[in-house]
Structures are given as structure tokens and as C-alpha cells.
Amino acid sequence: MIDRDLAELYGIETKVLKQSVKRNINRFPEDFMFELDSKELENWRSQFVTSNSDKMGLRYAPFAFTEHGVLMLSSILNSDRAIQVNIQIMRIFTKMRELLLTNKEILLQLEKIENKSIKHDEDIKLIFSYLKKLLNPTQPTRKMIGFNNSEK
């Protein structure tokens, strides 16, 4: 999640959230939080056609938080709202993980069916090739009978 979205959920300014994170930066290793680099920031900005204050008013690269980073925010933002928001976010992350696992299982089952189907298709092609050979057997070449004058 991006810093400004979290700040909005927590009911604080993005600046306050970023200051709190910077004061406690040792609690946010790279797998918890990272700052978008200039290339990522440009890509972010290019996703929006018009420059309006809601979408493009970014002077500084935003912080992006992983699930663990969001959890760590609750320990540095000490308010009732921060705690309640954090509980809801954790529930959402848990539900997303469950959906991903369910979708993964479905995709694995579909892949198994596809592999079976491909094998069946190959078997059916093989059966048809044998049937064609049975229905249209190749005639052995016959020796020519009669007078052969090859001197002409």
C-alpha cells in the first residue's frame, strides 16, 4: 500500500506518516517498506492522463508498504483509529491470501485437465492414423509383367 492511502485511512497527513516512519526507520527493512525510485515514480505518474492534485501532486516519491510494513505502522502510530484500521487491513490481507491460494488450486486443477486433454488428443490422433492405415492399406509394388524394351 502507498503512504498517502494509509495516511488517509489513519486520518493523518501523509507528511506526518512519513515523518513517523523516518523517525523509526530501523523498524522498516526493505521487505517491509521501500521508497519508489525515480523510474518507478515516472511510471506511476504516466499512468494518469491528466495532472490533478489527487493523483499527480507527488513532489516526493511515495513509500510503498508490504503487509508486514503496514503491521509495523500500528506500533509507531499509537491511536485508537490506527489500531482499528490496522486490524481491518490485516483482515483484508488475510482474505486476499486465501483468494490467491484458492485461485492457485483452481489453476493447478485446470492445468491437470489440460494436460489430460492434450494426452487424449494425441491418443485420438494416433488411433485415427491406425484406422486410416487399416482402411487404406498401402499396396505393395508389383513386378511388371510383359515385355520390357528399355533400349528405345
Protein backbone atom coordinates (compact mmCIF):
# COMPACT_ATOMS: atom_id res chain seq x y z
CA MET A 1 0.00 0.00 0.00
CA ILE A 2 1.17 3.53 -0.71
CA ASP A 3 1.86 6.03 2.09
CA ARG A 4 -0.85 8.51 1.14
CA ASP A 5 -3.54 5.80 1.04
CA LEU A 6 -2.52 4.63 4.51
CA ALA A 7 -2.40 8.20 5.80
CA GLU A 8 -5.94 8.73 4.57
CA LEU A 9 -7.11 5.55 6.30
CA TYR A 10 -5.39 6.54 9.54
CA GLY A 11 -6.81 10.06 9.32
CA ILE A 12 -3.43 11.81 9.32
CA GLU A 13 -1.44 13.76 6.76
CA THR A 14 0.97 11.87 4.53
CA LYS A 15 3.74 14.13 5.81
CA VAL A 16 3.08 13.02 9.41
CA LEU A 17 3.09 9.36 8.42
CA LYS A 18 6.37 9.72 6.51
CA GLN A 19 7.97 11.61 9.42
CA SER A 20 6.94 8.86 11.84
CA VAL A 21 8.40 6.21 9.54
CA LYS A 22 11.66 8.13 9.11
CA ARG A 23 11.98 8.53 12.89
CA ASN A 24 11.60 4.76 13.22
CA ILE A 25 13.32 3.68 10.00
CA ASN A 26 15.08 0.75 11.71
CA ARG A 27 11.63 -0.88 12.11
CA PHE A 28 11.11 -0.90 8.32
CA PRO A 29 13.59 -3.12 6.47
CA GLU A 30 13.34 -3.44 2.67
CA ASP A 31 10.85 -6.30 2.85
CA PHE A 32 8.51 -4.12 4.98
CA MET A 33 8.73 -0.81 3.13
CA PHE A 34 10.58 0.83 0.25
CA GLU A 35 10.59 4.19 -1.45
CA LEU A 36 9.74 4.29 -5.15
CA ASP A 37 12.79 5.17 -7.23
CA SER A 38 12.69 7.87 -9.93
CA LYS A 39 11.87 5.41 -12.72
CA GLU A 40 9.02 3.86 -10.73
CA LEU A 41 7.74 7.34 -9.84
CA GLU A 42 7.71 8.37 -13.52
CA ASN A 43 5.90 5.17 -14.40
CA TRP A 44 3.39 5.92 -11.63
CA ARG A 45 2.82 9.40 -12.98
CA SER A 46 2.48 8.21 -16.57
CA GLN A 47 -0.47 6.01 -15.53
CA PHE A 48 -2.62 9.12 -15.15
CA VAL A 49 -3.68 11.05 -18.25
CA THR A 50 -4.33 14.38 -16.56
CA SER A 51 -2.37 16.03 -13.82
CA ASN A 52 -4.71 16.69 -10.94
CA SER A 53 -3.85 17.24 -7.31
CA ASP A 54 -5.41 13.96 -6.18
CA LYS A 55 -3.41 11.69 -8.47
CA MET A 56 -0.30 13.55 -9.53
CA GLY A 57 0.50 16.04 -6.81
CA LEU A 58 3.50 14.00 -5.76
CA ARG A 59 6.61 16.06 -5.15
CA TYR A 60 8.37 13.23 -3.38
CA ALA A 61 8.48 9.55 -4.13
CA PRO A 62 5.93 7.70 -2.02
CA PHE A 63 6.70 4.91 0.41
CA ALA A 64 5.25 1.54 -0.52
CA PHE A 65 4.42 -0.78 2.38
CA THR A 66 4.11 -4.55 2.35
CA GLU A 67 1.76 -6.43 4.63
CA HIS A 68 4.44 -6.53 7.33
CA GLY A 69 5.17 -2.84 6.92
CA VAL A 70 1.50 -1.99 7.44
CA LEU A 71 1.53 -4.11 10.58
CA MET A 72 4.63 -2.29 11.82
CA LEU A 73 2.88 1.06 11.28
CA SER A 74 0.48 0.24 14.08
CA SER A 75 3.38 0.13 16.51
CA ILE A 76 4.54 3.65 15.62
CA LEU A 77 1.11 5.26 15.08
CA ASN A 78 -0.37 4.99 18.51
CA SER A 79 -4.04 5.90 18.24
CA ASP A 80 -7.33 4.03 18.50
CA ARG A 81 -8.08 4.72 14.85
CA ALA A 82 -4.67 3.38 13.78
CA ILE A 83 -5.31 0.17 15.70
CA GLN A 84 -8.79 -0.32 14.20
CA VAL A 85 -7.58 0.46 10.68
CA ASN A 86 -4.68 -1.93 11.09
CA ILE A 87 -7.00 -4.73 12.19
CA GLN A 88 -9.15 -4.20 9.09
CA ILE A 89 -6.11 -4.09 6.79
CA MET A 90 -4.77 -7.34 8.27
CA ARG A 91 -8.16 -8.99 7.70
CA ILE A 92 -8.12 -7.83 4.08
CA PHE A 93 -4.57 -9.15 3.54
CA THR A 94 -5.62 -12.49 5.04
CA LYS A 95 -8.67 -12.67 2.75
CA MET A 96 -6.53 -11.77 -0.29
CA ARG A 97 -4.06 -14.54 0.57
CA GLU A 98 -6.92 -17.03 0.86
CA LEU A 99 -8.26 -15.97 -2.54
CA LEU A 100 -4.84 -16.30 -4.12
CA LEU A 101 -4.41 -19.80 -2.70
CA THR A 102 -7.88 -20.79 -3.90
CA ASN A 103 -7.15 -19.42 -7.38
CA LYS A 104 -3.82 -21.23 -7.41
CA GLU A 105 -5.53 -24.52 -6.64
CA ILE A 106 -8.07 -23.92 -9.40
CA LEU A 107 -5.29 -23.11 -11.88
CA LEU A 108 -3.43 -26.29 -10.93
CA GLN A 109 -6.59 -28.35 -11.49
CA LEU A 110 -7.15 -26.68 -14.87
CA GLU A 111 -3.56 -27.42 -15.85
CA LYS A 112 -4.05 -31.10 -14.96
CA ILE A 113 -7.22 -31.23 -17.08
CA GLU A 114 -5.43 -29.50 -19.95
CA ASN A 115 -2.54 -31.96 -19.79
CA LYS A 116 -5.00 -34.86 -19.80
CA SER A 117 -6.81 -33.30 -22.73
CA ILE A 118 -3.58 -32.90 -24.68
CA LYS A 119 -2.68 -36.54 -23.98
CA HIS A 120 -6.16 -37.64 -25.05
CA ASP A 121 -5.88 -35.57 -28.24
CA GLU A 122 -2.57 -37.25 -29.06
CA ASP A 123 -4.07 -40.70 -28.37
CA ILE A 124 -7.07 -39.95 -30.59
CA LYS A 125 -4.80 -38.79 -33.42
CA LEU A 126 -2.78 -41.99 -33.10
CA ILE A 127 -5.97 -44.09 -33.22
CA PHE A 128 -7.16 -42.27 -36.34
CA SER A 129 -3.81 -42.74 -38.05
CA TYR A 130 -4.02 -46.53 -37.40
CA LEU A 131 -7.62 -46.60 -38.62
CA LYS A 132 -6.63 -44.84 -41.84
CA LYS A 133 -3.88 -47.37 -42.38
CA LEU A 134 -6.37 -50.22 -41.85
CA LEU A 135 -8.96 -48.71 -44.18
CA ASN A 136 -6.46 -47.73 -46.86
CA PRO A 137 -3.70 -50.27 -46.73
CA THR A 138 -0.69 -49.47 -48.84
CA GLN A 139 -0.45 -51.69 -51.91
CA PRO A 140 2.86 -53.44 -52.33
CA THR A 141 4.66 -52.53 -55.56
CA ARG A 142 4.17 -55.21 -58.21
CA LYS A 143 6.68 -56.50 -60.63
CA MET A 144 5.85 -55.56 -64.16
CA ILE A 145 4.65 -58.42 -66.32
CA GLY A 146 5.33 -58.50 -70.02
CA PHE A 147 7.96 -57.49 -72.47
CA ASN A 148 10.15 -54.57 -71.43
CA ASN A 149 12.09 -52.88 -74.13
CA SER A 150 14.37 -50.47 -72.40
CA GLU A 151 16.52 -49.76 -75.49
CA LYS A 152 14.07 -47.30 -77.01
